Amino acid sequence: MKSDDANEKNSNDYIWESNRKSFSKLPTSEYTMDESRRVMIRKALDLDIIDVRSYAGYRGDMLVEFTTMEKDTVSALKKIAEELGLEVTVRQDPLQIYQVYCIVVTEDTYGLKV
């Protein structure tokens, strides 16, 4: 008799798909995180943020993305990033959610020509 356990691998609700890469194979896991991103994340954890993630951008640049709903937090994140020598870009959506991108530019990777 088949069990109704929701954690079964053959369940339709099971989220892992064989064509997806595991987290250990993503670009940010192949290299050691540089000190500027580590410091940025440590300092941001004391602020009013909703989410944080780090990943490689399309040009090979390493990014730390912070999500917040507080304008004061955006200003604080920008100040910290600029002190660390990071490039900063802020995007705001219609729901007043800010996404702050702190970018560590990699000089050894070719970017797309504009």
C-alpha atoms as a PDB file:
ATOM      1  CA  MET A   1       0.000   0.000   0.000  1.00  0.00           C
ATOM      2  CA  LYS A   2       1.342   3.426  -0.955  1.00  0.00           C
ATOM      3  CA  SER A   3       2.006   5.867   1.876  1.00  0.00           C
ATOM      4  CA  ASP A   4       0.404   9.339   1.784  1.00  0.00           C
ATOM      5  CA  ASP A   5       3.579  10.901   3.182  1.00  0.00           C
ATOM      6  CA  ALA A   6       4.019  14.405   1.672  1.00  0.00           C
ATOM      7  CA  ASN A   7       7.805  14.035   1.776  1.00  0.00           C
ATOM      8  CA  GLU A   8       7.975  11.180  -0.729  1.00  0.00           C
ATOM      9  CA  LYS A   9      10.313  11.835  -3.667  1.00  0.00           C
ATOM     10  CA  ASN A  10       7.761  10.664  -6.190  1.00  0.00           C
ATOM     11  CA  SER A  11       5.144  13.107  -4.922  1.00  0.00           C
ATOM     12  CA  ASN A  12       4.021  15.842  -7.342  1.00  0.00           C
ATOM     13  CA  ASP A  13       4.839  18.386  -4.627  1.00  0.00           C
ATOM     14  CA  TYR A  14       8.507  17.366  -4.469  1.00  0.00           C
ATOM     15  CA  ILE A  15      10.421  20.453  -5.644  1.00  0.00           C
ATOM     16  CA  TRP A  16      13.762  18.997  -6.777  1.00  0.00           C
ATOM     17  CA  GLU A  17      14.034  18.546 -10.519  1.00  0.00           C
ATOM     18  CA  SER A  18      16.878  16.554 -12.034  1.00  0.00           C
ATOM     19  CA  ASN A  19      17.766  19.287 -14.568  1.00  0.00           C
ATOM     20  CA  ARG A  20      18.497  21.881 -11.849  1.00  0.00           C
ATOM     21  CA  LYS A  21      22.002  22.515 -10.546  1.00  0.00           C
ATOM     22  CA  SER A  22      22.660  21.980  -6.871  1.00  0.00           C
ATOM     23  CA  PHE A  23      23.712  24.984  -4.805  1.00  0.00           C
ATOM     24  CA  SER A  24      27.251  23.624  -4.626  1.00  0.00           C
ATOM     25  CA  LYS A  25      27.516  24.017  -8.426  1.00  0.00           C
ATOM     26  CA  LEU A  26      26.400  27.668  -8.620  1.00  0.00           C
ATOM     27  CA  PRO A  27      29.069  30.300  -9.438  1.00  0.00           C
ATOM     28  CA  THR A  28      29.127  31.893  -5.980  1.00  0.00           C
ATOM     29  CA  SER A  29      30.013  28.545  -4.409  1.00  0.00           C
ATOM     30  CA  GLU A  30      33.070  27.933  -6.602  1.00  0.00           C
ATOM     31  CA  TYR A  31      35.124  30.745  -5.098  1.00  0.00           C
ATOM     32  CA  THR A  32      35.760  32.100  -1.630  1.00  0.00           C
ATOM     33  CA  MET A  33      33.662  35.182  -0.867  1.00  0.00           C
ATOM     34  CA  ASP A  34      35.858  38.275  -0.841  1.00  0.00           C
ATOM     35  CA  GLU A  35      36.245  40.297   2.343  1.00  0.00           C
ATOM     36  CA  SER A  36      34.334  43.364   1.110  1.00  0.00           C
ATOM     37  CA  ARG A  37      31.151  41.322   0.557  1.00  0.00           C
ATOM     38  CA  ARG A  38      31.575  39.624   3.940  1.00  0.00           C
ATOM     39  CA  VAL A  39      31.893  42.981   5.714  1.00  0.00           C
ATOM     40  CA  MET A  40      28.944  44.402   3.759  1.00  0.00           C
ATOM     41  CA  ILE A  41      26.710  41.507   4.798  1.00  0.00           C
ATOM     42  CA  ARG A  42      27.830  41.628   8.451  1.00  0.00           C
ATOM     43  CA  LYS A  43      27.051  45.343   8.723  1.00  0.00           C
ATOM     44  CA  ALA A  44      23.737  45.027   6.852  1.00  0.00           C
ATOM     45  CA  LEU A  45      22.461  42.395   9.281  1.00  0.00           C
ATOM     46  CA  ASP A  46      22.159  45.143  11.907  1.00  0.00           C
ATOM     47  CA  LEU A  47      19.822  47.115   9.616  1.00  0.00           C
ATOM     48  CA  ASP A  48      16.151  46.633   8.763  1.00  0.00           C
ATOM     49  CA  ILE A  49      16.492  44.319   5.765  1.00  0.00           C
ATOM     50  CA  ILE A  50      14.040  41.735   4.460  1.00  0.00           C
ATOM     51  CA  ASP A  51      16.447  39.555   2.493  1.00  0.00           C
ATOM     52  CA  VAL A  52      20.065  39.249   1.367  1.00  0.00           C
ATOM     53  CA  ARG A  53      21.699  37.151  -1.337  1.00  0.00           C
ATOM     54  CA  SER A  54      25.048  37.009  -3.087  1.00  0.00           C
ATOM     55  CA  TYR A  55      25.684  35.854  -6.638  1.00  0.00           C
ATOM     56  CA  ALA A  56      27.654  36.461  -9.838  1.00  0.00           C
ATOM     57  CA  GLY A  57      26.269  38.989 -12.299  1.00  0.00           C
ATOM     58  CA  TYR A  58      26.146  38.650 -16.076  1.00  0.00           C
ATOM     59  CA  ARG A  59      29.612  40.225 -16.486  1.00  0.00           C
ATOM     60  CA  GLY A  60      31.199  38.062 -13.812  1.00  0.00           C
ATOM     61  CA  ASP A  61      30.924  40.809 -11.201  1.00  0.00           C
ATOM     62  CA  MET A  62      30.053  39.569  -7.728  1.00  0.00           C
ATOM     63  CA  LEU A  63      26.910  41.101  -6.232  1.00  0.00           C
ATOM     64  CA  VAL A  64      25.260  41.318  -2.859  1.00  0.00           C
ATOM     65  CA  GLU A  65      21.569  42.145  -3.111  1.00  0.00           C
ATOM     66  CA  PHE A  66      19.670  43.519  -0.135  1.00  0.00           C
ATOM     67  CA  THR A  67      15.894  43.899  -0.042  1.00  0.00           C
ATOM     68  CA  THR A  68      14.263  46.406   2.287  1.00  0.00           C
ATOM     69  CA  MET A  69      11.168  48.569   2.599  1.00  0.00           C
ATOM     70  CA  GLU A  70      12.920  51.332   4.564  1.00  0.00           C
ATOM     71  CA  LYS A  71      14.361  54.350   2.758  1.00  0.00           C
ATOM     72  CA  ASP A  72      16.712  55.041   5.697  1.00  0.00           C
ATOM     73  CA  THR A  73      18.099  51.524   5.329  1.00  0.00           C
ATOM     74  CA  VAL A  74      18.800  52.189   1.648  1.00  0.00           C
ATOM     75  CA  SER A  75      20.829  55.275   2.576  1.00  0.00           C
ATOM     76  CA  ALA A  76      22.755  53.350   5.235  1.00  0.00           C
ATOM     77  CA  LEU A  77      23.507  50.480   2.838  1.00  0.00           C
ATOM     78  CA  LYS A  78      24.732  52.906   0.177  1.00  0.00           C
ATOM     79  CA  LYS A  79      27.026  54.622   2.670  1.00  0.00           C
ATOM     80  CA  ILE A  80      28.520  51.323   3.883  1.00  0.00           C
ATOM     81  CA  ALA A  81      29.024  50.062   0.318  1.00  0.00           C
ATOM     82  CA  GLU A  82      30.713  53.255  -0.817  1.00  0.00           C
ATOM     83  CA  GLU A  83      33.062  53.141   2.199  1.00  0.00           C
ATOM     84  CA  LEU A  84      34.035  49.609   1.123  1.00  0.00           C
ATOM     85  CA  GLY A  85      34.638  50.726  -2.475  1.00  0.00           C
ATOM     86  CA  LEU A  86      31.656  48.869  -3.912  1.00  0.00           C
ATOM     87  CA  GLU A  87      29.481  50.160  -6.741  1.00  0.00           C
ATOM     88  CA  VAL A  88      25.842  50.631  -5.709  1.00  0.00           C
ATOM     89  CA  THR A  89      22.624  50.498  -7.695  1.00  0.00           C
ATOM     90  CA  VAL A  90      19.146  50.851  -6.182  1.00  0.00           C
ATOM     91  CA  ARG A  91      15.920  49.660  -7.748  1.00  0.00           C
ATOM     92  CA  GLN A  92      12.480  50.484  -6.341  1.00  0.00           C
ATOM     93  CA  ASP A  93       9.292  48.712  -7.337  1.00  0.00           C
ATOM     94  CA  PRO A  94       5.732  50.115  -7.164  1.00  0.00           C
ATOM     95  CA  LEU A  95       5.157  48.431  -3.777  1.00  0.00           C
ATOM     96  CA  GLN A  96       7.909  50.561  -2.181  1.00  0.00           C
ATOM     97  CA  ILE A  97      10.291  47.631  -1.947  1.00  0.00           C
ATOM     98  CA  TYR A  98      13.904  48.615  -2.536  1.00  0.00           C
ATOM     99  CA  GLN A  99      16.558  46.316  -3.940  1.00  0.00           C
ATOM    100  CA  VAL A 100      20.076  47.555  -3.238  1.00  0.00           C
ATOM    101  CA  TYR A 101      22.794  45.957  -5.363  1.00  0.00           C
ATOM    102  CA  CYS A 102      26.359  46.249  -4.058  1.00  0.00           C
ATOM    103  CA  ILE A 103      28.759  45.261  -6.821  1.00  0.00           C
ATOM    104  CA  VAL A 104      32.350  44.067  -6.604  1.00  0.00           C
ATOM    105  CA  VAL A 105      33.683  44.671 -10.100  1.00  0.00           C
ATOM    106  CA  THR A 106      35.951  41.921 -11.424  1.00  0.00           C
ATOM    107  CA  GLU A 107      38.629  43.239 -13.749  1.00  0.00           C
ATOM    108  CA  ASP A 108      39.580  39.845 -15.170  1.00  0.00           C
ATOM    109  CA  THR A 109      36.206  39.113 -16.800  1.00  0.00           C
ATOM    110  CA  TYR A 110      35.098  40.542 -20.125  1.00  0.00           C
ATOM    111  CA  GLY A 111      31.751  42.329 -20.160  1.00  0.00           C
ATOM    112  CA  LEU A 112      29.267  42.704 -22.956  1.00  0.00           C
ATOM    113  CA  LYS A 113      29.920  45.597 -25.314  1.00  0.00           C
ATOM    114  CA  VAL A 114      27.239  48.245 -25.177  1.00  0.00           C
END
